[in-house]
Amino acid sequence: MANPDLAEARRADLVDKLMTARRAVREARTAKDREAEAAAHKAVDEVKQALGERGPVWWDDGSPDLNRHMAKNTTYADWYAKIGRSRPGGF
């Protein structure tokens, strides 16, 4: 989730940059250009950090950063178990 405190114009600019960087990853992979792909991945990471999706947390309420954790291994485990059973297919 992006930082909701970002100004809309700033967020839109960063999303445009993110899409450009992701296209660069795809193009570098297609061309089998490892250097260009590494540079494109770096650009994606930098924009995601600027958006607040990676890097230091942008919230200050003391809540832990549970990004990149499986729900079943967090404080949301009970909630996740309940919704997992209530959905068709158990997802």
C-alpha atoms as a PDB file:
ATOM      1  CA  MET A   1       0.000   0.000   0.000  1.00  0.00           C
ATOM      2  CA  ALA A   2       1.284   3.412  -0.919  1.00  0.00           C
ATOM      3  CA  ASN A   3       1.624   6.149   1.646  1.00  0.00           C
ATOM      4  CA  PRO A   4      -1.806   7.847   1.757  1.00  0.00           C
ATOM      5  CA  ASP A   5      -0.148  11.112   2.809  1.00  0.00           C
ATOM      6  CA  LEU A   6       1.441  11.553  -0.632  1.00  0.00           C
ATOM      7  CA  ALA A   7      -0.020  14.418  -2.631  1.00  0.00           C
ATOM      8  CA  GLU A   8      -2.107  13.089  -5.521  1.00  0.00           C
ATOM      9  CA  ALA A   9       0.130  14.717  -8.137  1.00  0.00           C
ATOM     10  CA  ARG A  10       3.245  13.189  -6.533  1.00  0.00           C
ATOM     11  CA  ARG A  11       1.601   9.761  -6.293  1.00  0.00           C
ATOM     12  CA  ALA A  12       0.503   9.915  -9.942  1.00  0.00           C
ATOM     13  CA  ASP A  13       4.006  10.912 -11.035  1.00  0.00           C
ATOM     14  CA  LEU A  14       5.530   8.044  -9.078  1.00  0.00           C
ATOM     15  CA  VAL A  15       3.038   5.542 -10.505  1.00  0.00           C
ATOM     16  CA  ASP A  16       3.938   6.705 -14.023  1.00  0.00           C
ATOM     17  CA  LYS A  17       7.618   6.195 -13.189  1.00  0.00           C
ATOM     18  CA  LEU A  18       6.855   2.756 -11.741  1.00  0.00           C
ATOM     19  CA  MET A  19       5.058   1.657 -14.894  1.00  0.00           C
ATOM     20  CA  THR A  20       7.959   2.946 -17.022  1.00  0.00           C
ATOM     21  CA  ALA A  21      10.446   1.024 -14.879  1.00  0.00           C
ATOM     22  CA  ARG A  22       8.354  -2.158 -15.069  1.00  0.00           C
ATOM     23  CA  ARG A  23       8.207  -1.868 -18.854  1.00  0.00           C
ATOM     24  CA  ALA A  24      11.986  -1.456 -18.846  1.00  0.00           C
ATOM     25  CA  VAL A  25      12.294  -4.717 -16.868  1.00  0.00           C
ATOM     26  CA  ARG A  26      10.155  -6.516 -19.448  1.00  0.00           C
ATOM     27  CA  GLU A  27      12.076  -5.054 -22.382  1.00  0.00           C
ATOM     28  CA  ALA A  28      15.443  -5.913 -20.831  1.00  0.00           C
ATOM     29  CA  ARG A  29      14.321  -9.489 -20.192  1.00  0.00           C
ATOM     30  CA  THR A  30      13.122  -9.812 -23.760  1.00  0.00           C
ATOM     31  CA  ALA A  31      16.455  -8.497 -25.002  1.00  0.00           C
ATOM     32  CA  LYS A  32      18.294 -10.714 -22.493  1.00  0.00           C
ATOM     33  CA  ASP A  33      20.235  -7.648 -21.359  1.00  0.00           C
ATOM     34  CA  ARG A  34      21.206  -8.418 -17.770  1.00  0.00           C
ATOM     35  CA  GLU A  35      22.712  -5.005 -17.067  1.00  0.00           C
ATOM     36  CA  ALA A  36      19.622  -3.175 -18.301  1.00  0.00           C
ATOM     37  CA  GLU A  37      17.400  -5.536 -16.328  1.00  0.00           C
ATOM     38  CA  ALA A  38      19.355  -4.928 -13.128  1.00  0.00           C
ATOM     39  CA  ALA A  39      19.112  -1.167 -13.670  1.00  0.00           C
ATOM     40  CA  ALA A  40      15.376  -1.450 -14.315  1.00  0.00           C
ATOM     41  CA  HIS A  41      14.844  -3.518 -11.154  1.00  0.00           C
ATOM     42  CA  LYS A  42      16.760  -0.880  -9.214  1.00  0.00           C
ATOM     43  CA  ALA A  43      14.484   1.814 -10.664  1.00  0.00           C
ATOM     44  CA  VAL A  44      11.391  -0.188  -9.662  1.00  0.00           C
ATOM     45  CA  ASP A  45      12.724  -0.536  -6.125  1.00  0.00           C
ATOM     46  CA  GLU A  46      13.524   3.181  -5.829  1.00  0.00           C
ATOM     47  CA  VAL A  47      10.042   4.196  -6.964  1.00  0.00           C
ATOM     48  CA  LYS A  48       8.368   1.653  -4.661  1.00  0.00           C
ATOM     49  CA  GLN A  49      10.353   3.099  -1.766  1.00  0.00           C
ATOM     50  CA  ALA A  50       9.293   6.629  -2.744  1.00  0.00           C
ATOM     51  CA  LEU A  51       5.674   5.423  -2.803  1.00  0.00           C
ATOM     52  CA  GLY A  52       6.103   3.946   0.656  1.00  0.00           C
ATOM     53  CA  GLU A  53       5.536   0.369  -0.507  1.00  0.00           C
ATOM     54  CA  ARG A  54       9.052  -0.681   0.490  1.00  0.00           C
ATOM     55  CA  GLY A  55      11.640   0.581   2.901  1.00  0.00           C
ATOM     56  CA  PRO A  56      10.941   2.322   6.177  1.00  0.00           C
ATOM     57  CA  VAL A  57       7.321   2.364   7.297  1.00  0.00           C
ATOM     58  CA  TRP A  58       5.425   5.595   6.735  1.00  0.00           C
ATOM     59  CA  TRP A  59       2.961   5.150   9.589  1.00  0.00           C
ATOM     60  CA  ASP A  60       3.723   6.200  13.128  1.00  0.00           C
ATOM     61  CA  ASP A  61       1.067   4.493  15.229  1.00  0.00           C
ATOM     62  CA  GLY A  62       3.414   1.776  16.491  1.00  0.00           C
ATOM     63  CA  SER A  63       1.842  -0.978  14.374  1.00  0.00           C
ATOM     64  CA  PRO A  64       4.362  -3.557  13.175  1.00  0.00           C
ATOM     65  CA  ASP A  65       5.343  -3.857   9.542  1.00  0.00           C
ATOM     66  CA  LEU A  66       3.780  -7.152   8.494  1.00  0.00           C
ATOM     67  CA  ASN A  67       4.541  -6.707   4.821  1.00  0.00           C
ATOM     68  CA  ARG A  68       6.009  -9.849   3.277  1.00  0.00           C
ATOM     69  CA  HIS A  69       4.664 -12.020   6.091  1.00  0.00           C
ATOM     70  CA  MET A  70       2.114 -14.747   5.599  1.00  0.00           C
ATOM     71  CA  ALA A  71      -1.147 -13.824   7.353  1.00  0.00           C
ATOM     72  CA  LYS A  72      -1.163 -17.157   9.183  1.00  0.00           C
ATOM     73  CA  ASN A  73       2.129 -16.166  10.845  1.00  0.00           C
ATOM     74  CA  THR A  74       0.947 -12.779  12.108  1.00  0.00           C
ATOM     75  CA  THR A  75      -1.465 -11.355  14.640  1.00  0.00           C
ATOM     76  CA  TYR A  76      -4.097 -11.784  11.906  1.00  0.00           C
ATOM     77  CA  ALA A  77      -3.840 -15.597  11.987  1.00  0.00           C
ATOM     78  CA  ASP A  78      -7.239 -16.186  13.627  1.00  0.00           C
ATOM     79  CA  TRP A  79      -8.978 -13.781  11.249  1.00  0.00           C
ATOM     80  CA  TYR A  80      -7.262 -15.358   8.261  1.00  0.00           C
ATOM     81  CA  ALA A  81      -8.238 -18.868   9.364  1.00  0.00           C
ATOM     82  CA  LYS A  82     -11.889 -17.819   9.645  1.00  0.00           C
ATOM     83  CA  ILE A  83     -12.097 -16.196   6.221  1.00  0.00           C
ATOM     84  CA  GLY A  84     -10.114 -19.003   4.618  1.00  0.00           C
ATOM     85  CA  ARG A  85     -12.755 -21.524   5.646  1.00  0.00           C
ATOM     86  CA  SER A  86     -15.672 -19.356   4.631  1.00  0.00           C
ATOM     87  CA  ARG A  87     -14.569 -18.815   1.036  1.00  0.00           C
ATOM     88  CA  PRO A  88     -15.332 -21.243  -1.771  1.00  0.00           C
ATOM     89  CA  GLY A  89     -12.260 -23.341  -2.415  1.00  0.00           C
ATOM     90  CA  GLY A  90     -10.773 -22.459   0.968  1.00  0.00           C
ATOM     91  CA  PHE A  91      -8.652 -19.555  -0.325  1.00  0.00           C
END
